[in-house]
Protein backbone atom coordinates (compact mmCIF):
# COMPACT_ATOMS: atom_id res chain seq x y z
CA UNK A 1 0.14 -31.22 -2.99
CA UNK A 2 2.92 -31.95 -0.58
CA UNK A 3 2.61 -33.35 2.92
CA UNK A 4 2.80 -31.27 6.07
CA UNK A 5 6.45 -30.90 7.01
CA UNK A 6 7.21 -30.02 10.61
CA UNK A 7 9.94 -27.44 11.07
CA UNK A 8 11.85 -29.76 13.42
CA UNK A 9 12.05 -32.26 10.56
CA UNK A 10 14.17 -29.70 8.74
CA UNK A 11 16.55 -29.77 11.64
CA UNK A 12 16.56 -33.55 11.49
CA UNK A 13 17.54 -33.42 7.83
CA UNK A 14 14.18 -34.12 6.16
CA UNK A 15 13.78 -32.36 2.76
CA UNK A 16 11.40 -29.42 2.30
CA UNK A 17 11.02 -27.04 -0.64
CA UNK A 18 11.77 -23.66 0.83
CA UNK A 19 12.72 -20.15 -0.33
CA UNK A 20 14.88 -19.46 2.72
CA UNK A 21 18.08 -20.99 3.94
CA UNK A 22 17.66 -23.90 6.35
CA UNK A 23 19.65 -22.01 8.94
CA UNK A 24 17.08 -19.23 8.97
CA UNK A 25 14.31 -21.69 9.82
CA UNK A 26 16.40 -23.28 12.52
CA UNK A 27 17.16 -19.91 14.09
CA UNK A 28 13.49 -18.97 14.01
CA UNK A 29 12.54 -22.10 15.94
CA UNK A 30 15.39 -21.79 18.43
CA UNK A 31 13.78 -18.97 20.43
CA UNK A 32 10.77 -19.24 22.81
CA UNK A 33 7.41 -19.12 21.04
CA UNK A 34 6.44 -15.92 22.85
CA UNK A 35 9.40 -14.23 21.14
CA UNK A 36 8.26 -15.19 17.63
CA UNK A 37 5.91 -13.16 15.43
CA UNK A 38 4.49 -13.73 11.96
CA UNK A 39 3.90 -10.78 9.65
CA UNK A 40 1.62 -11.58 6.71
CA UNK A 41 2.41 -9.23 3.83
CA UNK A 42 5.71 -7.81 2.63
CA UNK A 43 4.78 -4.25 1.65
CA UNK A 44 5.99 -1.12 3.41
CA UNK A 45 3.60 -1.76 6.33
CA UNK A 46 4.74 -5.32 6.89
CA UNK A 47 8.41 -4.41 6.43
CA UNK A 48 8.11 -1.60 8.98
CA UNK A 49 6.46 -3.90 11.51
CA UNK A 50 9.01 -6.67 10.94
CA UNK A 51 12.04 -4.42 11.31
CA UNK A 52 10.63 -2.74 14.43
CA UNK A 53 10.02 -6.13 16.03
CA UNK A 54 13.40 -7.45 14.94
CA UNK A 55 15.13 -4.41 16.42
CA UNK A 56 13.26 -5.10 19.68
CA UNK A 57 14.73 -8.61 19.81
CA UNK A 58 11.78 -10.61 18.48
CA UNK A 59 12.21 -13.30 15.83
CA UNK A 60 9.98 -12.45 12.87
CA UNK A 61 8.77 -14.55 9.97
CA UNK A 62 7.47 -12.38 7.11
CA UNK A 63 5.16 -14.33 4.80
CA UNK A 64 4.63 -12.82 1.33
CA UNK A 65 2.56 -14.38 -1.46
CA UNK A 66 4.72 -12.79 -4.18
CA UNK A 67 8.33 -13.89 -4.84
CA UNK A 68 9.81 -10.69 -3.38
CA UNK A 69 8.97 -8.05 -0.80
CA UNK A 70 8.27 -4.35 -1.32
CA UNK A 71 4.61 -4.35 -2.31
CA UNK A 72 2.95 -1.61 -4.32
CA UNK A 73 5.46 1.03 -3.25
CA UNK A 74 8.04 -0.65 -5.49
CA UNK A 75 5.97 0.37 -8.50
CA UNK A 76 5.83 4.06 -7.62
CA UNK A 77 8.01 6.65 -9.33
CA UNK A 78 8.04 9.40 -6.70
CA UNK A 79 6.02 10.03 -3.55
CA UNK A 80 3.89 13.01 -2.55
CA UNK A 81 4.10 15.67 -1.21
CA UNK A 82 7.91 15.86 -1.31
CA UNK A 83 8.42 14.13 -4.69
CA UNK A 84 11.07 11.89 -3.15
CA UNK A 85 12.22 8.89 -5.17
CA UNK A 86 10.12 5.92 -4.01
CA UNK A 87 12.93 3.45 -4.68
CA UNK A 88 15.43 5.55 -2.73
CA UNK A 89 13.10 5.43 0.28
CA UNK A 90 11.97 1.83 0.04
CA UNK A 91 15.02 -0.10 -1.19
CA UNK A 92 17.06 0.39 2.02
CA UNK A 93 14.09 -1.00 3.95
CA UNK A 94 13.63 -4.06 1.73
CA UNK A 95 17.36 -4.77 1.88
CA UNK A 96 17.34 -4.38 5.67
CA UNK A 97 14.42 -6.80 5.98
CA UNK A 98 16.30 -9.33 3.84
CA UNK A 99 19.53 -9.00 5.82
CA UNK A 100 18.13 -8.49 9.34
CA UNK A 101 19.36 -11.29 11.64
CA UNK A 102 15.96 -11.47 13.33
CA UNK A 103 13.78 -11.47 10.18
CA UNK A 104 13.14 -14.58 8.09
CA UNK A 105 11.62 -13.93 4.67
CA UNK A 106 9.20 -16.54 3.35
CA UNK A 107 8.21 -15.41 -0.12
CA UNK A 108 5.88 -17.22 -2.56
CA UNK A 109 3.97 -18.39 0.51
CA UNK A 110 0.36 -18.23 1.68
CA UNK A 111 -1.24 -18.98 5.03
CA UNK A 112 -3.46 -22.07 4.90
CA UNK A 113 -4.54 -22.76 8.49
CA UNK A 114 -4.38 -21.33 12.00
CA UNK A 115 -4.63 -23.25 15.27
CA UNK A 116 -3.82 -22.47 18.87
CA UNK A 117 -4.30 -19.43 21.07
CA UNK A 118 -2.69 -16.02 21.68
CA UNK A 119 0.91 -16.56 22.67
CA UNK A 120 1.07 -19.97 20.99
CA UNK A 121 -0.40 -20.05 17.49
CA UNK A 122 0.44 -22.79 15.00
CA UNK A 123 0.26 -21.50 11.41
CA UNK A 124 0.30 -23.81 8.41
CA UNK A 125 1.92 -22.13 5.41
CA UNK A 126 1.87 -23.25 1.78
CA UNK A 127 5.15 -22.83 -0.08
CA UNK A 128 4.31 -22.29 -3.74
CA UNK A 129 6.56 -23.47 -6.54
CA UNK A 130 9.02 -21.14 -8.24
CA UNK A 131 10.65 -23.86 -10.40
CA UNK A 132 14.00 -22.43 -9.30
CA UNK A 133 16.07 -23.83 -6.44
CA UNK A 134 16.87 -20.62 -4.60
CA UNK A 135 19.46 -22.38 -2.45
CA UNK A 136 21.51 -22.93 -5.62
CA UNK A 137 20.56 -19.79 -7.56
CA UNK A 138 23.07 -16.93 -7.44
CA UNK A 139 20.76 -14.39 -9.06
CA UNK A 140 23.09 -13.88 -12.03
CA UNK A 141 20.17 -13.29 -14.45
CA UNK A 142 21.49 -15.49 -17.27
CA UNK A 143 18.23 -17.45 -17.45
CA UNK A 144 16.22 -14.22 -17.83
CA UNK A 145 18.44 -13.00 -20.65
CA UNK A 146 18.20 -16.29 -22.55
CA UNK A 147 14.43 -16.97 -22.15
CA UNK A 148 12.67 -16.66 -25.56
CA UNK A 149 9.12 -16.37 -24.16
CA UNK A 150 7.80 -12.81 -23.85
CA UNK A 151 4.58 -11.50 -22.30
CA UNK A 152 2.93 -8.65 -20.44
CA UNK A 153 4.90 -7.54 -17.37
CA UNK A 154 3.01 -7.80 -14.09
CA UNK A 155 5.29 -5.27 -12.45
CA UNK A 156 5.14 -2.77 -15.32
CA UNK A 157 1.33 -3.12 -15.54
CA UNK A 158 0.87 -3.39 -19.31
CA UNK A 159 3.54 -0.75 -19.91
CA UNK A 160 6.31 -3.27 -20.54
CA UNK A 161 7.05 -6.90 -21.32
CA UNK A 162 8.87 -9.66 -19.48
CA UNK A 163 10.14 -13.17 -20.06
CA UNK A 164 8.56 -16.32 -18.61
CA UNK A 165 11.32 -16.46 -15.98
CA UNK A 166 11.90 -13.19 -14.17
CA UNK A 167 12.27 -11.25 -10.95
CA UNK A 168 9.46 -8.88 -10.07
CA UNK A 169 11.72 -5.83 -10.25
CA UNK A 170 15.42 -4.95 -10.59
CA UNK A 171 15.46 -4.19 -6.84
CA UNK A 172 13.73 -7.45 -5.85
CA UNK A 173 14.48 -8.87 -2.39
CA UNK A 174 15.22 -11.76 -2.55
CA UNK A 175 16.78 -11.10 -5.95
CA UNK A 176 16.03 -14.58 -7.27
CA UNK A 177 13.94 -15.42 -10.38
CA UNK A 178 10.89 -17.63 -10.70
CA UNK A 179 9.05 -19.15 -13.64
CA UNK A 180 5.52 -18.23 -14.70
CA UNK A 181 4.18 -21.69 -15.46
CA UNK A 182 1.38 -20.37 -17.68
CA UNK A 183 3.86 -18.80 -20.10
CA UNK A 184 6.78 -21.20 -19.87
CA UNK A 185 7.09 -23.22 -23.10
CA UNK A 186 8.66 -26.16 -21.33
CA UNK A 187 5.97 -26.41 -18.63
CA UNK A 188 3.06 -25.90 -21.06
CA UNK A 189 4.34 -27.78 -24.13
CA UNK A 190 7.35 -29.77 -23.05
CA UNK A 191 9.60 -27.80 -25.38
CA UNK A 192 12.36 -25.20 -24.89
CA UNK A 193 14.24 -25.67 -21.59
CA UNK A 194 16.61 -22.83 -22.49
CA UNK A 195 16.75 -21.51 -18.92
CA UNK A 196 17.80 -24.91 -17.56
CA UNK A 197 20.47 -25.27 -20.24
CA UNK A 198 21.88 -21.79 -19.64
CA UNK A 199 21.87 -21.82 -15.81
CA UNK A 200 25.52 -22.15 -14.70
CA UNK A 201 24.63 -23.69 -11.32
CA UNK A 202 21.76 -26.00 -12.33
CA UNK A 203 19.16 -24.16 -10.27
CA UNK A 204 16.19 -24.70 -12.62
CA UNK A 205 13.87 -27.42 -11.32
CA UNK A 206 10.83 -28.10 -13.53
CA UNK A 207 9.72 -30.89 -11.17
CA UNK A 208 9.52 -28.73 -8.08
CA UNK A 209 6.36 -29.38 -6.02
CA UNK A 210 4.37 -27.36 -3.51
CA UNK A 211 5.07 -28.09 0.12
CA UNK A 212 3.76 -27.07 3.50
CA UNK A 213 5.39 -26.15 6.77
CA UNK A 214 4.17 -25.17 10.22
CA UNK A 215 5.38 -22.25 12.29
CA UNK A 216 4.61 -21.60 15.95
CA UNK A 217 4.31 -17.91 16.78
CA UNK A 218 3.04 -15.84 19.65
CA UNK A 219 1.25 -13.19 17.58
CA UNK A 220 0.36 -12.30 14.00
CA UNK A 221 0.29 -8.99 12.12
CA UNK A 222 -1.77 -8.88 8.93
CA UNK A 223 -0.56 -6.31 6.39
CA UNK A 224 -1.72 -7.67 3.03
CA UNK A 225 -2.07 -4.31 1.31
CA UNK A 226 -4.35 -3.35 -1.56
CA UNK A 227 -5.16 -3.75 -5.22
CA UNK A 228 -7.00 -1.41 -7.58
CA UNK A 229 -10.59 -1.61 -8.72
CA UNK A 230 -11.26 -3.77 -11.78
CA UNK A 231 -12.30 -0.86 -13.99
CA UNK A 232 -11.50 -2.75 -17.18
CA UNK A 233 -14.32 -5.23 -16.59
CA UNK A 234 -16.71 -3.06 -14.58
CA UNK A 235 -16.57 0.37 -16.22
CA UNK A 236 -17.31 0.22 -19.98
CA UNK A 237 -17.96 3.98 -20.01
CA UNK A 238 -14.19 4.44 -19.71
CA UNK A 239 -13.32 2.05 -22.51
CA UNK A 240 -13.43 -1.14 -20.48
CA UNK A 241 -9.75 -1.79 -21.08
CA UNK A 242 -10.20 -1.82 -24.86
CA UNK A 243 -8.67 1.60 -25.54
CA UNK A 244 -4.88 1.21 -25.22
CA UNK A 245 -4.27 4.85 -24.35
CA UNK A 246 -6.60 4.73 -21.33
CA UNK A 247 -4.53 3.55 -18.38
CA UNK A 248 -4.77 3.54 -14.59
CA UNK A 249 -2.68 5.41 -12.05
CA UNK A 250 -0.32 2.51 -11.27
CA UNK A 251 0.50 2.11 -14.96
CA UNK A 252 1.17 5.86 -15.12
CA UNK A 253 3.66 5.40 -12.27
CA UNK A 254 5.67 3.05 -14.47
CA UNK A 255 5.68 5.51 -17.38
CA UNK A 256 6.89 8.27 -15.06
CA UNK A 257 9.62 6.15 -13.50
CA UNK A 258 13.16 6.56 -14.82
CA UNK A 259 13.59 2.82 -14.29
CA UNK A 260 10.34 2.06 -16.11
CA UNK A 261 9.89 0.58 -19.61
CA UNK A 262 10.08 4.00 -21.32
CA UNK A 263 12.87 5.39 -19.10
CA UNK A 264 10.50 8.10 -17.86
CA UNK A 265 9.24 9.27 -21.26
CA UNK A 266 5.47 9.87 -21.39
CA UNK A 267 4.41 8.23 -24.63
CA UNK A 268 1.20 6.65 -25.83
CA UNK A 269 1.00 2.88 -25.46
CA UNK A 270 -0.69 2.60 -28.86
CA UNK A 271 2.01 4.18 -31.05
CA UNK A 272 4.83 5.50 -28.84
CA UNK A 273 4.13 9.17 -29.66
CA UNK A 274 4.76 11.80 -27.00
CA UNK A 275 1.64 12.79 -25.06
CA UNK A 276 0.77 16.47 -25.58
CA UNK A 277 -2.70 16.55 -24.02
CA UNK A 278 -3.60 14.36 -21.07
CA UNK A 279 -6.78 13.97 -19.02
CA UNK A 280 -6.88 12.63 -15.47
CA UNK A 281 -10.18 11.34 -14.10
CA UNK A 282 -10.54 11.00 -10.34
CA UNK A 283 -12.89 8.85 -8.23
CA UNK A 284 -13.02 6.02 -10.78
CA UNK A 285 -15.02 3.41 -8.92
CA UNK A 286 -14.90 5.41 -5.69
CA UNK A 287 -17.72 7.44 -4.09
CA UNK A 288 -20.35 5.77 -6.25
CA UNK A 289 -22.49 3.61 -3.95
CA UNK A 290 -25.13 2.89 -6.59
CA UNK A 291 -22.76 1.19 -9.04
CA UNK A 292 -19.32 0.74 -7.49
CA UNK A 293 -17.61 1.59 -4.16
CA UNK A 294 -19.09 4.06 -1.71
CA UNK A 295 -15.90 5.09 0.07
CA UNK A 296 -13.23 7.66 -0.77
CA UNK A 297 -9.87 6.06 -1.57
CA UNK A 298 -8.08 8.97 0.17
CA UNK A 299 -4.90 9.07 -1.91
CA UNK A 300 -6.29 9.67 -5.41
CA UNK A 301 -6.42 13.49 -5.25
CA UNK A 302 -2.80 13.60 -4.22
CA UNK A 303 -1.33 11.07 -6.61
CA UNK A 304 -3.27 12.60 -9.51
CA UNK A 305 -1.74 16.00 -8.68
CA UNK A 306 1.65 14.28 -8.43
CA UNK A 307 1.20 12.61 -11.82
CA UNK A 308 0.17 15.91 -13.37
CA UNK A 309 3.19 17.75 -11.97
CA UNK A 310 5.66 15.06 -12.97
CA UNK A 311 4.15 14.97 -16.45
CA UNK A 312 4.64 18.75 -16.80
CA UNK A 313 8.24 18.38 -15.65
CA UNK A 314 8.82 16.03 -18.59
CA UNK A 315 6.54 17.59 -21.24
CA UNK A 316 6.82 21.33 -20.64
CA UNK A 317 4.42 22.32 -23.41
CA UNK A 318 1.86 19.64 -22.52
CA UNK A 319 -1.64 20.44 -21.31
CA UNK A 320 -3.23 18.74 -18.31
CA UNK A 321 -6.92 18.47 -17.41
CA UNK A 322 -8.23 16.92 -14.18
CA UNK A 323 -11.86 15.90 -13.69
CA UNK A 324 -12.70 15.85 -9.98
CA UNK A 325 -15.70 15.77 -7.64
CA UNK A 326 -13.95 17.70 -4.88
CA UNK A 327 -10.38 17.82 -3.58
CA UNK A 328 -9.58 15.90 -0.41
CA UNK A 329 -6.03 16.67 0.72
CA UNK A 330 -5.83 16.15 4.46
CA UNK A 331 -2.20 15.25 5.18
CA UNK A 332 0.74 17.42 6.20
CA UNK A 333 1.71 19.63 3.27
CA UNK A 334 -0.95 18.08 1.03
CA UNK A 335 -3.08 21.21 0.44
CA UNK A 336 -0.01 23.26 -0.42
CA UNK A 337 0.98 20.55 -2.91
CA UNK A 338 -2.41 20.82 -4.65
CA UNK A 339 -2.29 24.62 -4.76
CA UNK A 340 1.22 24.58 -6.23
CA UNK A 341 0.06 22.13 -8.89
CA UNK A 342 -2.61 24.59 -10.02
CA UNK A 343 -0.63 27.83 -9.75
CA UNK A 344 2.82 26.74 -10.92
CA UNK A 345 2.05 24.04 -13.47
CA UNK A 346 -1.13 25.60 -14.95
CA UNK A 347 -3.11 22.40 -14.49
CA UNK A 348 -6.79 22.87 -15.34
CA UNK A 349 -9.16 21.34 -12.77
CA UNK A 350 -12.72 20.68 -13.96
CA UNK A 351 -15.27 20.04 -11.22
CA UNK A 352 -17.47 17.18 -12.38
CA UNK A 353 -17.41 13.53 -13.39
CA UNK A 354 -16.29 12.48 -16.82
CA UNK A 355 -19.32 10.67 -18.24
CA UNK A 356 -17.82 8.89 -21.22
CA UNK A 357 -14.50 8.09 -22.86
CA UNK A 358 -14.22 6.76 -26.42
CA UNK A 359 -11.75 6.40 -29.26
CA UNK A 360 -11.96 9.19 -31.82
CA UNK A 361 -9.48 8.63 -34.64
CA UNK A 362 -6.00 8.65 -33.17
CA UNK A 363 -7.18 10.54 -30.08
CA UNK A 364 -9.48 9.88 -27.13
CA UNK A 365 -12.57 11.99 -26.57
CA UNK A 366 -13.57 12.65 -22.97
CA UNK A 367 -17.11 13.93 -22.39
CA UNK A 368 -18.21 15.43 -19.11
CA UNK A 369 -19.62 18.51 -17.46
CA UNK A 370 -18.27 21.44 -15.47
CA UNK A 371 -20.69 21.67 -12.57
CA UNK A 372 -19.37 25.10 -11.54
CA UNK A 373 -20.24 26.74 -14.88
CA UNK A 374 -23.00 24.35 -15.90
CA UNK A 375 -21.34 23.75 -19.29
CA UNK A 376 -20.77 20.47 -21.09
CA UNK A 377 -17.10 19.66 -21.65
CA UNK A 378 -15.51 17.68 -24.46
CA UNK A 379 -11.74 17.22 -24.62
CA UNK A 380 -9.70 15.39 -27.24
CA UNK A 381 -6.64 13.94 -25.53
CA UNK A 382 -3.66 11.73 -26.34
CA UNK A 383 -3.92 9.79 -23.07
CA UNK A 384 -6.42 9.32 -20.24
CA UNK A 385 -5.33 8.28 -16.73
CA UNK A 386 -7.91 6.85 -14.33
CA UNK A 387 -7.55 7.18 -10.55
CA UNK A 388 -9.14 3.80 -9.78
CA UNK A 389 -10.43 2.95 -6.31
CA UNK A 390 -8.26 1.09 -3.84
CA UNK A 391 -9.68 -2.32 -2.93
CA UNK A 392 -8.45 -5.19 -0.70
CA UNK A 393 -5.95 -7.62 -2.15
CA UNK A 394 -7.18 -10.84 -3.70
CA UNK A 395 -7.90 -13.52 -1.11
CA UNK A 396 -8.60 -11.12 1.77
CA UNK A 397 -11.90 -12.79 2.70
CA UNK A 398 -10.35 -16.28 2.59
CA UNK A 399 -7.52 -15.14 4.87
CA UNK A 400 -10.03 -13.53 7.24
CA UNK A 401 -11.89 -16.84 7.49
CA UNK A 402 -8.63 -18.68 8.26
CA UNK A 403 -7.58 -16.20 10.95
CA UNK A 404 -11.02 -15.79 12.50
CA UNK A 405 -11.27 -12.05 11.86
CA UNK A 406 -13.96 -10.05 10.08
CA UNK A 407 -14.24 -8.11 6.82
CA UNK A 408 -16.66 -5.29 6.07
CA UNK A 409 -18.93 -5.19 3.03
CA UNK A 410 -16.09 -3.82 0.89
CA UNK A 411 -13.73 -6.63 1.89
CA UNK A 412 -11.39 -4.65 4.18
CA UNK A 413 -10.45 -6.20 7.53
CA UNK A 414 -12.41 -4.83 10.46
CA UNK A 415 -10.70 -3.40 13.52
CA UNK A 416 -11.96 -3.86 17.07
CA UNK A 417 -12.75 -0.17 17.54
CA UNK A 418 -11.94 2.40 14.85
CA UNK A 419 -11.15 5.20 17.31
CA UNK A 420 -9.72 3.42 20.34
CA UNK A 421 -8.41 0.10 18.99
CA UNK A 422 -7.65 0.62 15.29
CA UNK A 423 -4.96 -2.07 15.19
CA UNK A 424 -6.62 -4.83 17.20
CA UNK A 425 -9.12 -7.33 15.79
CA UNK A 426 -11.78 -9.40 17.50
CA UNK A 427 -9.22 -12.22 17.76
CA UNK A 428 -6.64 -11.53 20.46
CA UNK A 429 -3.08 -11.84 19.25
CA UNK A 430 -3.94 -10.92 15.65
CA UNK A 431 -3.44 -7.34 14.50
CA UNK A 432 -4.12 -5.50 11.24
CA UNK A 433 -2.21 -2.61 9.72
CA UNK A 434 -2.01 -0.63 6.51
CA UNK A 435 -4.32 -0.70 3.51
CA UNK A 436 -5.79 -4.11 4.31
CA UNK A 437 -7.85 -2.21 6.91
CA UNK A 438 -8.82 0.63 4.55
CA UNK A 439 -7.39 3.10 2.06
CA UNK A 440 -4.46 5.14 3.34
CA UNK A 441 -1.19 6.70 2.22
CA UNK A 442 2.38 5.54 2.81
CA UNK A 443 2.88 7.65 5.95
CA UNK A 444 -0.24 6.30 7.66
CA UNK A 445 0.53 2.75 6.55
CA UNK A 446 4.03 2.91 8.01
CA UNK A 447 2.70 4.41 11.23
CA UNK A 448 0.22 1.55 11.58
CA UNK A 449 2.99 -0.96 10.95
CA UNK A 450 4.95 0.47 13.86
CA UNK A 451 1.80 0.64 15.98
CA UNK A 452 1.04 -3.03 15.34
CA UNK A 453 4.61 -3.95 16.29
CA UNK A 454 4.18 -2.06 19.57
CA UNK A 455 0.89 -3.82 20.31
CA UNK A 456 2.52 -7.20 19.72
CA UNK A 457 5.30 -6.38 22.16
CA UNK A 458 2.79 -5.33 24.82
CA UNK A 459 0.77 -8.54 24.39
CA UNK A 460 3.72 -10.95 24.39
CA UNK A 461 5.39 -9.22 27.32
CA UNK A 462 2.15 -9.47 29.27
CA UNK A 463 1.69 -13.15 28.46
CA UNK A 464 5.30 -13.92 29.35
CA UNK A 465 4.92 -12.12 32.69
CA UNK A 466 1.71 -14.06 33.44
CA UNK A 467 3.44 -17.35 32.68
CA UNK A 468 6.37 -16.48 34.94
CA UNK A 469 4.03 -15.54 37.76
CA UNK A 470 2.11 -18.79 37.32
CA UNK A 471 5.34 -20.75 37.69
């Protein structure tokens, strides 16, 4: 573990392992503290908040635990209800956040400690190792091409493979690689070193160590996003992760994506054959207070309909079945999207939970019941896609303890008042936005990002005015 390194020591020439240019840190510290804001989380919510604040003249430090920004939206193929390309919408925003003169990206970082008061917080941040000196790295990709170690791709979610040194996605911002120490042959066995030998600028640094830095900010926005329910370990009735052709919705996004591992072809993970019959199961882990999560994840009905429509666009003679409890489509144009899915794509909706999924030869048998007709249903499919519940990102409770804010029983951050103060927390100067507060879609997440940015401006302007009056 490295020692605490003050930001002014960077200005004085002291070394610190850092993913950003030294000039960026200097510029961040050169403005009054009540003009500085930290955004924790680099998904669409955090990016929206950061850009809004930057455009308003505030200096923003965006802290992201992953090596690049973009969040879950980067993994999506298209977005409902317009079926717009997710990358076409998001990439300009990630690029803008990386190039904005008022926004400093701090990736591979996590918040460790908070001190101070509203208008003058001191945040201790841990800079994790990437084993690549990003100040030297040009992002040429030679190390990725030469690396002999292969493994499951985190970004492709079991649908593809990646090397031990990689960028999270082709559109990564910053577009710099990092090494997965658990799979690197040199770091685990002391052998290989191919990436270091092939790097033309000598950016590979196997001896890189964690370090810490402190940042003084006037306010903090928390936008740490979401993960999906651990159905593989908690839901054996759906195969428990042991049936290769049972996947979750995020993995399906990668199969549907033209930039995904199959170039948009819908094939079975087990043997690569085209999927002719597919079953979607909704509310997997959601709305089940006895065994799993009690809440509705809000977006599952819509993204299941989206998956079904996109599948039919690619496999015209394919058959789609959707098990559902009831349809909840509350956004603008959402109900029309569902109705079009049924009428135009001939998708068969079956009202009822799927009770069991099991391997049956080279197919998957799904057993359930149609509660409208009272009949038992059994379908033999090539692939099953589970709409797993949205849950808080890993480490949400630990971050809440550091920041002095609360989580509910499900682990989501708690707002001050759901109706009147949905962005504020019980700790003045700290705001929450997006899916870290509860399940929501991209539109609502972006809106909350902008709302949080507005609240920050109101607070800091008020504090600055009070200080001027006191003088």
